[in-house]
C-alpha atoms as a PDB file:
ATOM      1  CA  UNK A   1     122.453 -64.471-150.425  1.00  0.00           C
ATOM      2  CA  UNK A   2     119.015 -62.781-150.210  1.00  0.00           C
ATOM      3  CA  UNK A   3     116.462 -61.850-147.388  1.00  0.00           C
ATOM      4  CA  UNK A   4     112.712 -63.045-148.276  1.00  0.00           C
ATOM      5  CA  UNK A   5     109.985 -60.851-147.028  1.00  0.00           C
ATOM      6  CA  UNK A   6     106.705 -63.205-147.334  1.00  0.00           C
ATOM      7  CA  UNK A   7     104.209 -61.827-145.529  1.00  0.00           C
ATOM      8  CA  UNK A   8     100.399 -63.369-145.411  1.00  0.00           C
ATOM      9  CA  UNK A   9      97.384 -61.156-145.633  1.00  0.00           C
ATOM     10  CA  UNK A  10      96.692 -60.179-142.226  1.00  0.00           C
ATOM     11  CA  UNK A  11      97.088 -57.403-139.546  1.00  0.00           C
ATOM     12  CA  UNK A  12     100.421 -56.096-140.932  1.00  0.00           C
ATOM     13  CA  UNK A  13      99.351 -56.077-144.712  1.00  0.00           C
ATOM     14  CA  UNK A  14      95.835 -56.365-145.961  1.00  0.00           C
ATOM     15  CA  UNK A  15      96.875 -58.100-149.295  1.00  0.00           C
ATOM     16  CA  UNK A  16     100.367 -59.554-148.100  1.00  0.00           C
ATOM     17  CA  UNK A  17     103.484 -58.777-149.217  1.00  0.00           C
ATOM     18  CA  UNK A  18     106.661 -60.742-151.003  1.00  0.00           C
ATOM     19  CA  UNK A  19     109.933 -59.032-151.705  1.00  0.00           C
ATOM     20  CA  UNK A  20     113.542 -59.833-151.808  1.00  0.00           C
ATOM     21  CA  UNK A  21     116.523 -57.894-150.905  1.00  0.00           C
ATOM     22  CA  UNK A  22     120.180 -58.376-151.432  1.00  0.00           C
ATOM     23  CA  UNK A  23     121.721 -59.377-148.080  1.00  0.00           C
ATOM     24  CA  UNK A  24     124.848 -57.569-147.034  1.00  0.00           C
ATOM     25  CA  UNK A  25     125.207 -59.364-143.461  1.00  0.00           C
ATOM     26  CA  UNK A  26     123.828 -62.333-141.552  1.00  0.00           C
ATOM     27  CA  UNK A  27     120.363 -62.008-139.970  1.00  0.00           C
ATOM     28  CA  UNK A  28     120.756 -61.411-136.366  1.00  0.00           C
ATOM     29  CA  UNK A  29     117.711 -61.400-133.673  1.00  0.00           C
ATOM     30  CA  UNK A  30     116.523 -57.495-132.532  1.00  0.00           C
ATOM     31  CA  UNK A  31     114.011 -56.611-130.006  1.00  0.00           C
ATOM     32  CA  UNK A  32     114.370 -52.737-130.235  1.00  0.00           C
ATOM     33  CA  UNK A  33     114.327 -50.236-133.289  1.00  0.00           C
ATOM     34  CA  UNK A  34     113.776 -46.590-133.520  1.00  0.00           C
ATOM     35  CA  UNK A  35     110.641 -45.937-135.094  1.00  0.00           C
ATOM     36  CA  UNK A  36     107.547 -43.434-135.453  1.00  0.00           C
ATOM     37  CA  UNK A  37     103.872 -44.275-136.089  1.00  0.00           C
ATOM     38  CA  UNK A  38     101.708 -42.627-138.445  1.00  0.00           C
ATOM     39  CA  UNK A  39     100.047 -40.802-135.465  1.00  0.00           C
ATOM     40  CA  UNK A  40     103.500 -39.047-134.717  1.00  0.00           C
ATOM     41  CA  UNK A  41     104.331 -41.442-131.614  1.00  0.00           C
ATOM     42  CA  UNK A  42     108.393 -41.793-132.143  1.00  0.00           C
ATOM     43  CA  UNK A  43     110.991 -43.347-130.270  1.00  0.00           C
ATOM     44  CA  UNK A  44     112.409 -46.631-129.245  1.00  0.00           C
ATOM     45  CA  UNK A  45     110.067 -49.418-129.761  1.00  0.00           C
ATOM     46  CA  UNK A  46     110.002 -53.126-128.684  1.00  0.00           C
ATOM     47  CA  UNK A  47     109.582 -55.359-131.764  1.00  0.00           C
ATOM     48  CA  UNK A  48     108.510 -58.701-132.047  1.00  0.00           C
ATOM     49  CA  UNK A  49     107.855 -61.266-135.302  1.00  0.00           C
ATOM     50  CA  UNK A  50     104.256 -62.332-135.346  1.00  0.00           C
ATOM     51  CA  UNK A  51     103.286 -65.643-137.005  1.00  0.00           C
ATOM     52  CA  UNK A  52      99.836 -67.129-137.864  1.00  0.00           C
ATOM     53  CA  UNK A  53      97.757 -67.356-134.681  1.00  0.00           C
ATOM     54  CA  UNK A  54      99.646 -63.944-133.511  1.00  0.00           C
ATOM     55  CA  UNK A  55     102.270 -65.875-131.840  1.00  0.00           C
ATOM     56  CA  UNK A  56     105.401 -63.893-131.425  1.00  0.00           C
ATOM     57  CA  UNK A  57     108.807 -64.737-132.642  1.00  0.00           C
ATOM     58  CA  UNK A  58     111.778 -62.711-132.374  1.00  0.00           C
ATOM     59  CA  UNK A  59     112.308 -60.390-134.825  1.00  0.00           C
ATOM     60  CA  UNK A  60     115.375 -60.441-137.138  1.00  0.00           C
ATOM     61  CA  UNK A  61     117.439 -57.870-138.952  1.00  0.00           C
ATOM     62  CA  UNK A  62     120.365 -57.542-141.414  1.00  0.00           C
ATOM     63  CA  UNK A  63     121.853 -54.874-143.622  1.00  0.00           C
ATOM     64  CA  UNK A  64     120.772 -55.163-147.270  1.00  0.00           C
ATOM     65  CA  UNK A  65     121.119 -52.880-150.280  1.00  0.00           C
ATOM     66  CA  UNK A  66     117.792 -51.015-151.426  1.00  0.00           C
ATOM     67  CA  UNK A  67     117.896 -49.408-154.661  1.00  0.00           C
ATOM     68  CA  UNK A  68     117.153 -45.964-153.702  1.00  0.00           C
ATOM     69  CA  UNK A  69     118.890 -45.778-150.295  1.00  0.00           C
ATOM     70  CA  UNK A  70     122.062 -47.824-150.472  1.00  0.00           C
ATOM     71  CA  UNK A  71     122.665 -50.033-147.743  1.00  0.00           C
ATOM     72  CA  UNK A  72     119.906 -49.943-145.433  1.00  0.00           C
ATOM     73  CA  UNK A  73     118.685 -52.211-142.338  1.00  0.00           C
ATOM     74  CA  UNK A  74     115.980 -54.468-143.136  1.00  0.00           C
ATOM     75  CA  UNK A  75     113.626 -55.815-139.958  1.00  0.00           C
ATOM     76  CA  UNK A  76     111.488 -58.876-140.708  1.00  0.00           C
ATOM     77  CA  UNK A  77     109.084 -60.891-138.581  1.00  0.00           C
ATOM     78  CA  UNK A  78     107.274 -63.895-139.240  1.00  0.00           C
ATOM     79  CA  UNK A  79     104.539 -64.841-141.658  1.00  0.00           C
ATOM     80  CA  UNK A  80     102.600 -61.828-139.958  1.00  0.00           C
ATOM     81  CA  UNK A  81     104.986 -58.999-139.992  1.00  0.00           C
ATOM     82  CA  UNK A  82     105.893 -57.334-137.074  1.00  0.00           C
ATOM     83  CA  UNK A  83     104.652 -55.914-133.762  1.00  0.00           C
ATOM     84  CA  UNK A  84     106.089 -52.904-132.321  1.00  0.00           C
ATOM     85  CA  UNK A  85     105.325 -51.450-129.044  1.00  0.00           C
ATOM     86  CA  UNK A  86     106.260 -48.135-127.537  1.00  0.00           C
ATOM     87  CA  UNK A  87     107.055 -47.866-123.893  1.00  0.00           C
ATOM     88  CA  UNK A  88     103.970 -45.038-123.482  1.00  0.00           C
ATOM     89  CA  UNK A  89     101.224 -48.038-124.907  1.00  0.00           C
ATOM     90  CA  UNK A  90     101.428 -47.317-128.310  1.00  0.00           C
ATOM     91  CA  UNK A  91     101.008 -50.023-130.786  1.00  0.00           C
ATOM     92  CA  UNK A  92     101.633 -50.652-134.535  1.00  0.00           C
ATOM     93  CA  UNK A  93     101.809 -53.627-137.074  1.00  0.00           C
ATOM     94  CA  UNK A  94     104.199 -53.438-140.193  1.00  0.00           C
ATOM     95  CA  UNK A  95     104.566 -56.221-142.548  1.00  0.00           C
ATOM     96  CA  UNK A  96     108.752 -55.308-142.458  1.00  0.00           C
ATOM     97  CA  UNK A  97     110.731 -52.152-141.869  1.00  0.00           C
ATOM     98  CA  UNK A  98     113.665 -50.623-143.882  1.00  0.00           C
ATOM     99  CA  UNK A  99     115.423 -48.443-141.597  1.00  0.00           C
ATOM    100  CA  UNK A 100     118.325 -45.936-142.383  1.00  0.00           C
ATOM    101  CA  UNK A 101     121.791 -47.489-141.740  1.00  0.00           C
ATOM    102  CA  UNK A 102     122.361 -45.356-138.916  1.00  0.00           C
ATOM    103  CA  UNK A 103     119.350 -46.102-137.111  1.00  0.00           C
ATOM    104  CA  UNK A 104     119.013 -47.654-133.507  1.00  0.00           C
ATOM    105  CA  UNK A 105     118.327 -51.544-134.292  1.00  0.00           C
ATOM    106  CA  UNK A 106     119.501 -53.645-131.209  1.00  0.00           C
END
């Protein structure tokens, strides 16, 4: 079983992304992750998936196999990736997230 990451060109990825990860467990809805922006804002971020037209949907996560890190969390959203919001107001866009197995993903 695999998790497909297919993100169209847009705000989360200029050129789009198409990847596949070997899935270890079932995808489940998540609403919060540990994250650090390129500007150095870190902490717990609310995470949502984004589809075309910037419609938000629940983000989903599963443990997957990563060729360099072993088993990790993969967090995926919609056709336009993920929207991350920090309680302090910072926002970020990512096509997907690969996080340590020990990262906070809830």
